[in-house]
PDB file of all heavy atoms in Angstrom:
ATOM      1  N   LEU A   1      -8.603  37.919 -57.711  1.00  0.00           N
ATOM      2  CA  LEU A   1      -7.993  37.013 -56.739  1.00  0.00           C
ATOM      3  C   LEU A   1      -7.424  37.773 -55.541  1.00  0.00           C
ATOM      4  O   LEU A   1      -7.510  37.309 -54.403  1.00  0.00           O
ATOM      5  CB  LEU A   1      -6.926  36.168 -57.417  1.00  0.00           C
ATOM      6  CG  LEU A   1      -7.488  35.176 -58.446  1.00  0.00           C
ATOM      7  CD1 LEU A   1      -6.385  34.612 -59.311  1.00  0.00           C
ATOM      8  CD2 LEU A   1      -8.269  34.076 -57.764  1.00  0.00           C
ATOM      9  N   THR A   2      -6.885  38.945 -55.794  1.00  0.00           N
ATOM     10  CA  THR A   2      -6.395  39.784 -54.701  1.00  0.00           C
ATOM     11  C   THR A   2      -7.561  40.241 -53.823  1.00  0.00           C
ATOM     12  O   THR A   2      -7.442  40.272 -52.587  1.00  0.00           O
ATOM     13  CB  THR A   2      -5.616  40.989 -55.263  1.00  0.00           C
ATOM     14  OG1 THR A   2      -4.528  40.504 -56.064  1.00  0.00           O
ATOM     15  CG2 THR A   2      -5.065  41.857 -54.156  1.00  0.00           C
ATOM     16  N   LEU A   3      -8.674  40.574 -54.443  1.00  0.00           N
ATOM     17  CA  LEU A   3      -9.869  40.951 -53.690  1.00  0.00           C
ATOM     18  C   LEU A   3     -10.299  39.798 -52.780  1.00  0.00           C
ATOM     19  O   LEU A   3     -10.533  39.997 -51.586  1.00  0.00           O
ATOM     20  CB  LEU A   3     -11.019  41.316 -54.634  1.00  0.00           C
ATOM     21  CG  LEU A   3     -12.393  41.486 -53.978  1.00  0.00           C
ATOM     22  CD1 LEU A   3     -12.444  42.786 -53.179  1.00  0.00           C
ATOM     23  CD2 LEU A   3     -13.495  41.440 -55.014  1.00  0.00           C
ATOM     24  N   TRP A   4     -10.399  38.588 -53.346  1.00  0.00           N
ATOM     25  CA  TRP A   4     -10.851  37.445 -52.551  1.00  0.00           C
ATOM     26  C   TRP A   4      -9.881  37.117 -51.431  1.00  0.00           C
ATOM     27  O   TRP A   4     -10.295  36.734 -50.332  1.00  0.00           O
ATOM     28  CB  TRP A   4     -11.105  36.226 -53.435  1.00  0.00           C
ATOM     29  CG  TRP A   4     -12.423  36.312 -54.126  1.00  0.00           C
ATOM     30  CD1 TRP A   4     -12.656  36.486 -55.452  1.00  0.00           C
ATOM     31  CD2 TRP A   4     -13.712  36.283 -53.505  1.00  0.00           C
ATOM     32  NE1 TRP A   4     -14.007  36.550 -55.695  1.00  0.00           N
ATOM     33  CE2 TRP A   4     -14.680  36.425 -54.512  1.00  0.00           C
ATOM     34  CE3 TRP A   4     -14.142  36.146 -52.189  1.00  0.00           C
ATOM     35  CZ2 TRP A   4     -16.042  36.434 -54.258  1.00  0.00           C
ATOM     36  CZ3 TRP A   4     -15.499  36.155 -51.915  1.00  0.00           C
ATOM     37  CH2 TRP A   4     -16.431  36.295 -52.952  1.00  0.00           C
ATOM     38  N   ARG A   5      -8.595  37.279 -51.682  1.00  0.00           N
ATOM     39  CA  ARG A   5      -7.613  37.048 -50.612  1.00  0.00           C
ATOM     40  C   ARG A   5      -7.895  37.991 -49.447  1.00  0.00           C
ATOM     41  O   ARG A   5      -7.888  37.596 -48.289  1.00  0.00           O
ATOM     42  CB  ARG A   5      -6.195  37.236 -51.135  1.00  0.00           C
ATOM     43  CG  ARG A   5      -5.129  36.855 -50.133  1.00  0.00           C
ATOM     44  CD  ARG A   5      -3.744  37.236 -50.664  1.00  0.00           C
ATOM     45  NE  ARG A   5      -2.662  36.583 -49.982  1.00  0.00           N
ATOM     46  CZ  ARG A   5      -2.249  36.866 -48.753  1.00  0.00           C
ATOM     47  NH1 ARG A   5      -2.863  37.771 -48.042  1.00  0.00           N
ATOM     48  NH2 ARG A   5      -1.221  36.225 -48.223  1.00  0.00           N
ATOM     49  N   GLY A   6      -8.151  39.263 -49.762  1.00  0.00           N
ATOM     50  CA  GLY A   6      -8.456  40.244 -48.727  1.00  0.00           C
ATOM     51  C   GLY A   6      -9.785  39.992 -48.038  1.00  0.00           C
ATOM     52  O   GLY A   6      -9.906  40.130 -46.816  1.00  0.00           O
ATOM     53  N   VAL A   7     -10.800  39.603 -48.804  1.00  0.00           N
ATOM     54  CA  VAL A   7     -12.130  39.317 -48.237  1.00  0.00           C
ATOM     55  C   VAL A   7     -12.039  38.137 -47.265  1.00  0.00           C
ATOM     56  O   VAL A   7     -12.531  38.205 -46.139  1.00  0.00           O
ATOM     57  CB  VAL A   7     -13.155  39.045 -49.356  1.00  0.00           C
ATOM     58  CG1 VAL A   7     -14.444  38.435 -48.800  1.00  0.00           C
ATOM     59  CG2 VAL A   7     -13.460  40.326 -50.125  1.00  0.00           C
ATOM     60  N   PHE A   8     -11.407  37.054 -47.713  1.00  0.00           N
ATOM     61  CA  PHE A   8     -11.296  35.885 -46.844  1.00  0.00           C
ATOM     62  C   PHE A   8     -10.453  36.177 -45.604  1.00  0.00           C
ATOM     63  O   PHE A   8     -10.739  35.651 -44.529  1.00  0.00           O
ATOM     64  CB  PHE A   8     -10.721  34.692 -47.609  1.00  0.00           C
ATOM     65  CG  PHE A   8     -11.641  34.132 -48.656  1.00  0.00           C
ATOM     66  CD1 PHE A   8     -11.131  33.663 -49.866  1.00  0.00           C
ATOM     67  CD2 PHE A   8     -13.011  34.051 -48.465  1.00  0.00           C
ATOM     68  CE1 PHE A   8     -11.961  33.138 -50.834  1.00  0.00           C
ATOM     69  CE2 PHE A   8     -13.858  33.529 -49.423  1.00  0.00           C
ATOM     70  CZ  PHE A   8     -13.322  33.060 -50.620  1.00  0.00           C
ATOM     71  N   ALA A   9      -9.419  36.988 -45.757  1.00  0.00           N
ATOM     72  CA  ALA A   9      -8.576  37.330 -44.606  1.00  0.00           C
ATOM     73  C   ALA A   9      -9.382  38.055 -43.527  1.00  0.00           C
ATOM     74  O   ALA A   9      -9.088  37.932 -42.339  1.00  0.00           O
ATOM     75  CB  ALA A   9      -7.395  38.190 -45.056  1.00  0.00           C
ATOM     76  N   ARG A  10     -10.400  38.778 -43.932  1.00  0.00           N
ATOM     77  CA  ARG A  10     -11.259  39.466 -42.954  1.00  0.00           C
ATOM     78  C   ARG A  10     -12.421  38.585 -42.490  1.00  0.00           C
ATOM     79  O   ARG A  10     -12.840  38.670 -41.345  1.00  0.00           O
ATOM     80  CB  ARG A  10     -11.802  40.763 -43.557  1.00  0.00           C
ATOM     81  CG  ARG A  10     -10.722  41.800 -43.803  1.00  0.00           C
ATOM     82  CD  ARG A  10     -11.304  43.089 -44.332  1.00  0.00           C
ATOM     83  NE  ARG A  10     -12.176  43.709 -43.362  1.00  0.00           N
ATOM     84  CZ  ARG A  10     -11.827  44.713 -42.554  1.00  0.00           C
ATOM     85  NH1 ARG A  10     -10.628  45.201 -42.621  1.00  0.00           N
ATOM     86  NH2 ARG A  10     -12.684  45.216 -41.710  1.00  0.00           N
ATOM     87  N   PHE A  11     -12.951  37.762 -43.392  1.00  0.00           N
ATOM     88  CA  PHE A  11     -14.130  36.956 -43.068  1.00  0.00           C
ATOM     89  C   PHE A  11     -13.792  35.734 -42.221  1.00  0.00           C
ATOM     90  O   PHE A  11     -14.522  35.397 -41.280  1.00  0.00           O
ATOM     91  CB  PHE A  11     -14.836  36.534 -44.364  1.00  0.00           C
ATOM     92  CG  PHE A  11     -16.101  35.745 -44.164  1.00  0.00           C
ATOM     93  CD1 PHE A  11     -17.145  36.235 -43.388  1.00  0.00           C
ATOM     94  CD2 PHE A  11     -16.257  34.502 -44.757  1.00  0.00           C
ATOM     95  CE1 PHE A  11     -18.315  35.515 -43.202  1.00  0.00           C
ATOM     96  CE2 PHE A  11     -17.425  33.767 -44.590  1.00  0.00           C
ATOM     97  CZ  PHE A  11     -18.452  34.274 -43.808  1.00  0.00           C
ATOM     98  N   PHE A  12     -12.702  35.048 -42.526  1.00  0.00           N
ATOM     99  CA  PHE A  12     -12.409  33.798 -41.838  1.00  0.00           C
ATOM    100  C   PHE A  12     -12.213  33.943 -40.326  1.00  0.00           C
ATOM    101  O   PHE A  12     -12.662  33.074 -39.575  1.00  0.00           O
ATOM    102  CB  PHE A  12     -11.238  33.074 -42.493  1.00  0.00           C
ATOM    103  CG  PHE A  12     -11.598  32.437 -43.820  1.00  0.00           C
ATOM    104  CD1 PHE A  12     -10.599  32.044 -44.694  1.00  0.00           C
ATOM    105  CD2 PHE A  12     -12.914  32.216 -44.201  1.00  0.00           C
ATOM    106  CE1 PHE A  12     -10.907  31.448 -45.915  1.00  0.00           C
ATOM    107  CE2 PHE A  12     -13.240  31.625 -45.415  1.00  0.00           C
ATOM    108  CZ  PHE A  12     -12.221  31.240 -46.270  1.00  0.00           C
ATOM    109  N   PRO A  13     -11.569  34.990 -39.826  1.00  0.00           N
ATOM    110  CA  PRO A  13     -11.520  35.132 -38.355  1.00  0.00           C
ATOM    111  C   PRO A  13     -12.917  35.261 -37.737  1.00  0.00           C
ATOM    112  O   PRO A  13     -13.170  34.706 -36.655  1.00  0.00           O
ATOM    113  CB  PRO A  13     -10.689  36.403 -38.140  1.00  0.00           C
ATOM    114  CG  PRO A  13      -9.835  36.492 -39.359  1.00  0.00           C
ATOM    115  CD  PRO A  13     -10.704  35.972 -40.485  1.00  0.00           C
ATOM    116  N   ALA A  14     -13.821  35.951 -38.421  1.00  0.00           N
ATOM    117  CA  ALA A  14     -15.202  36.064 -37.932  1.00  0.00           C
ATOM    118  C   ALA A  14     -15.889  34.706 -37.961  1.00  0.00           C
ATOM    119  O   ALA A  14     -16.695  34.386 -37.077  1.00  0.00           O
ATOM    120  CB  ALA A  14     -15.981  37.079 -38.758  1.00  0.00           C
ATOM    121  N   VAL A  15     -15.571  33.883 -38.954  1.00  0.00           N
ATOM    122  CA  VAL A  15     -16.154  32.541 -39.020  1.00  0.00           C
ATOM    123  C   VAL A  15     -15.643  31.695 -37.858  1.00  0.00           C
ATOM    124  O   VAL A  15     -16.426  30.967 -37.229  1.00  0.00           O
ATOM    125  CB  VAL A  15     -15.873  31.854 -40.373  1.00  0.00           C
ATOM    126  CG1 VAL A  15     -16.375  30.414 -40.365  1.00  0.00           C
ATOM    127  CG2 VAL A  15     -16.520  32.628 -41.514  1.00  0.00           C
ATOM    128  N   TRP A  16     -14.358  31.786 -37.534  1.00  0.00           N
ATOM    129  CA  TRP A  16     -13.830  31.029 -36.388  1.00  0.00           C
ATOM    130  C   TRP A  16     -14.567  31.404 -35.108  1.00  0.00           C
ATOM    131  O   TRP A  16     -14.944  30.528 -34.323  1.00  0.00           O
ATOM    132  CB  TRP A  16     -12.327  31.257 -36.220  1.00  0.00           C
ATOM    133  CG  TRP A  16     -11.500  30.423 -37.139  1.00  0.00           C
ATOM    134  CD1 TRP A  16     -10.742  30.868 -38.189  1.00  0.00           C
ATOM    135  CD2 TRP A  16     -11.334  29.004 -37.118  1.00  0.00           C
ATOM    136  NE1 TRP A  16     -10.129  29.811 -38.816  1.00  0.00           N
ATOM    137  CE2 TRP A  16     -10.474  28.655 -38.178  1.00  0.00           C
ATOM    138  CE3 TRP A  16     -11.838  27.988 -36.294  1.00  0.00           C
ATOM    139  CZ2 TRP A  16     -10.097  27.334 -38.431  1.00  0.00           C
ATOM    140  CZ3 TRP A  16     -11.465  26.678 -36.552  1.00  0.00           C
ATOM    141  CH2 TRP A  16     -10.603  26.361 -37.607  1.00  0.00           C
ATOM    142  N   VAL A  17     -14.786  32.693 -34.884  1.00  0.00           N
ATOM    143  CA  VAL A  17     -15.519  33.137 -33.692  1.00  0.00           C
ATOM    144  C   VAL A  17     -16.949  32.606 -33.749  1.00  0.00           C
ATOM    145  O   VAL A  17     -17.486  32.124 -32.746  1.00  0.00           O
ATOM    146  CB  VAL A  17     -15.488  34.679 -33.567  1.00  0.00           C
ATOM    147  CG1 VAL A  17     -16.420  35.161 -32.459  1.00  0.00           C
ATOM    148  CG2 VAL A  17     -14.061  35.159 -33.323  1.00  0.00           C
ATOM    149  N   SER A  18     -17.560  32.667 -34.927  1.00  0.00           N
ATOM    150  CA  SER A  18     -18.926  32.160 -35.094  1.00  0.00           C
ATOM    151  C   SER A  18     -19.002  30.662 -34.820  1.00  0.00           C
ATOM    152  O   SER A  18     -19.925  30.198 -34.146  1.00  0.00           O
ATOM    153  CB  SER A  18     -19.434  32.455 -36.506  1.00  0.00           C
ATOM    154  OG  SER A  18     -19.549  33.838 -36.711  1.00  0.00           O
ATOM    155  N   VAL A  19     -18.054  29.904 -35.346  1.00  0.00           N
ATOM    156  CA  VAL A  19     -18.026  28.462 -35.128  1.00  0.00           C
ATOM    157  C   VAL A  19     -17.938  28.159 -33.634  1.00  0.00           C
ATOM    158  O   VAL A  19     -18.676  27.306 -33.110  1.00  0.00           O
ATOM    159  CB  VAL A  19     -16.858  27.805 -35.905  1.00  0.00           C
ATOM    160  CG1 VAL A  19     -16.556  26.406 -35.398  1.00  0.00           C
ATOM    161  CG2 VAL A  19     -17.176  27.776 -37.395  1.00  0.00           C
ATOM    162  N   LEU A  20     -17.065  28.862 -32.935  1.00  0.00           N
ATOM    163  CA  LEU A  20     -16.938  28.651 -31.491  1.00  0.00           C
ATOM    164  C   LEU A  20     -18.226  29.019 -30.760  1.00  0.00           C
ATOM    165  O   LEU A  20     -18.665  28.300 -29.853  1.00  0.00           O
ATOM    166  CB  LEU A  20     -15.760  29.439 -30.939  1.00  0.00           C
ATOM    167  CG  LEU A  20     -14.381  28.951 -31.386  1.00  0.00           C
ATOM    168  CD1 LEU A  20     -13.297  29.907 -30.907  1.00  0.00           C
ATOM    169  CD2 LEU A  20     -14.121  27.529 -30.916  1.00  0.00           C
ATOM    170  N   ALA A  21     -18.838  30.127 -31.162  1.00  0.00           N
ATOM    171  CA  ALA A  21     -20.089  30.562 -30.526  1.00  0.00           C
ATOM    172  C   ALA A  21     -21.212  29.562 -30.796  1.00  0.00           C
ATOM    173  O   ALA A  21     -21.971  29.203 -29.884  1.00  0.00           O
ATOM    174  CB  ALA A  21     -20.485  31.953 -31.022  1.00  0.00           C
ATOM    175  N   ILE A  22     -21.321  29.106 -32.034  1.00  0.00           N
ATOM    176  CA  ILE A  22     -22.383  28.159 -32.401  1.00  0.00           C
ATOM    177  C   ILE A  22     -22.181  26.826 -31.687  1.00  0.00           C
ATOM    178  O   ILE A  22     -23.112  26.276 -31.087  1.00  0.00           O
ATOM    179  CB  ILE A  22     -22.429  27.961 -33.931  1.00  0.00           C
ATOM    180  CG1 ILE A  22     -22.844  29.251 -34.634  1.00  0.00           C
ATOM    181  CG2 ILE A  22     -23.364  26.809 -34.302  1.00  0.00           C
ATOM    182  CD1 ILE A  22     -22.547  29.259 -36.129  1.00  0.00           C
ATOM    183  N   LEU A  23     -20.967  26.306 -31.751  1.00  0.00           N
ATOM    184  CA  LEU A  23     -20.689  25.012 -31.130  1.00  0.00           C
ATOM    185  C   LEU A  23     -20.863  25.090 -29.614  1.00  0.00           C
ATOM    186  O   LEU A  23     -21.537  24.245 -29.012  1.00  0.00           O
ATOM    187  CB  LEU A  23     -19.282  24.546 -31.493  1.00  0.00           C
ATOM    188  CG  LEU A  23     -18.883  23.156 -31.027  1.00  0.00           C
ATOM    189  CD1 LEU A  23     -19.822  22.090 -31.589  1.00  0.00           C
ATOM    190  CD2 LEU A  23     -17.443  22.862 -31.440  1.00  0.00           C
ATOM    191  N   GLY A  24     -20.286  26.107 -28.998  1.00  0.00           N
ATOM    192  CA  GLY A  24     -20.382  26.225 -27.541  1.00  0.00           C
ATOM    193  C   GLY A  24     -21.795  26.439 -27.055  1.00  0.00           C
ATOM    194  O   GLY A  24     -22.253  25.772 -26.113  1.00  0.00           O
ATOM    195  N   SER A  25     -22.520  27.336 -27.704  1.00  0.00           N
ATOM    196  CA  SER A  25     -23.895  27.613 -27.268  1.00  0.00           C
ATOM    197  C   SER A  25     -24.819  26.439 -27.575  1.00  0.00           C
ATOM    198  O   SER A  25     -25.689  26.092 -26.776  1.00  0.00           O
ATOM    199  CB  SER A  25     -24.422  28.894 -27.912  1.00  0.00           C
ATOM    200  OG  SER A  25     -24.459  28.763 -29.327  1.00  0.00           O
TER     201      SER A  25
END
């Protein structure tokens, strides 16, 4: 669970940028 907390903490900001890039483009 500690691993997943760390993984998501790094992945989710990249997903937000991706969502903005996908939606905008």
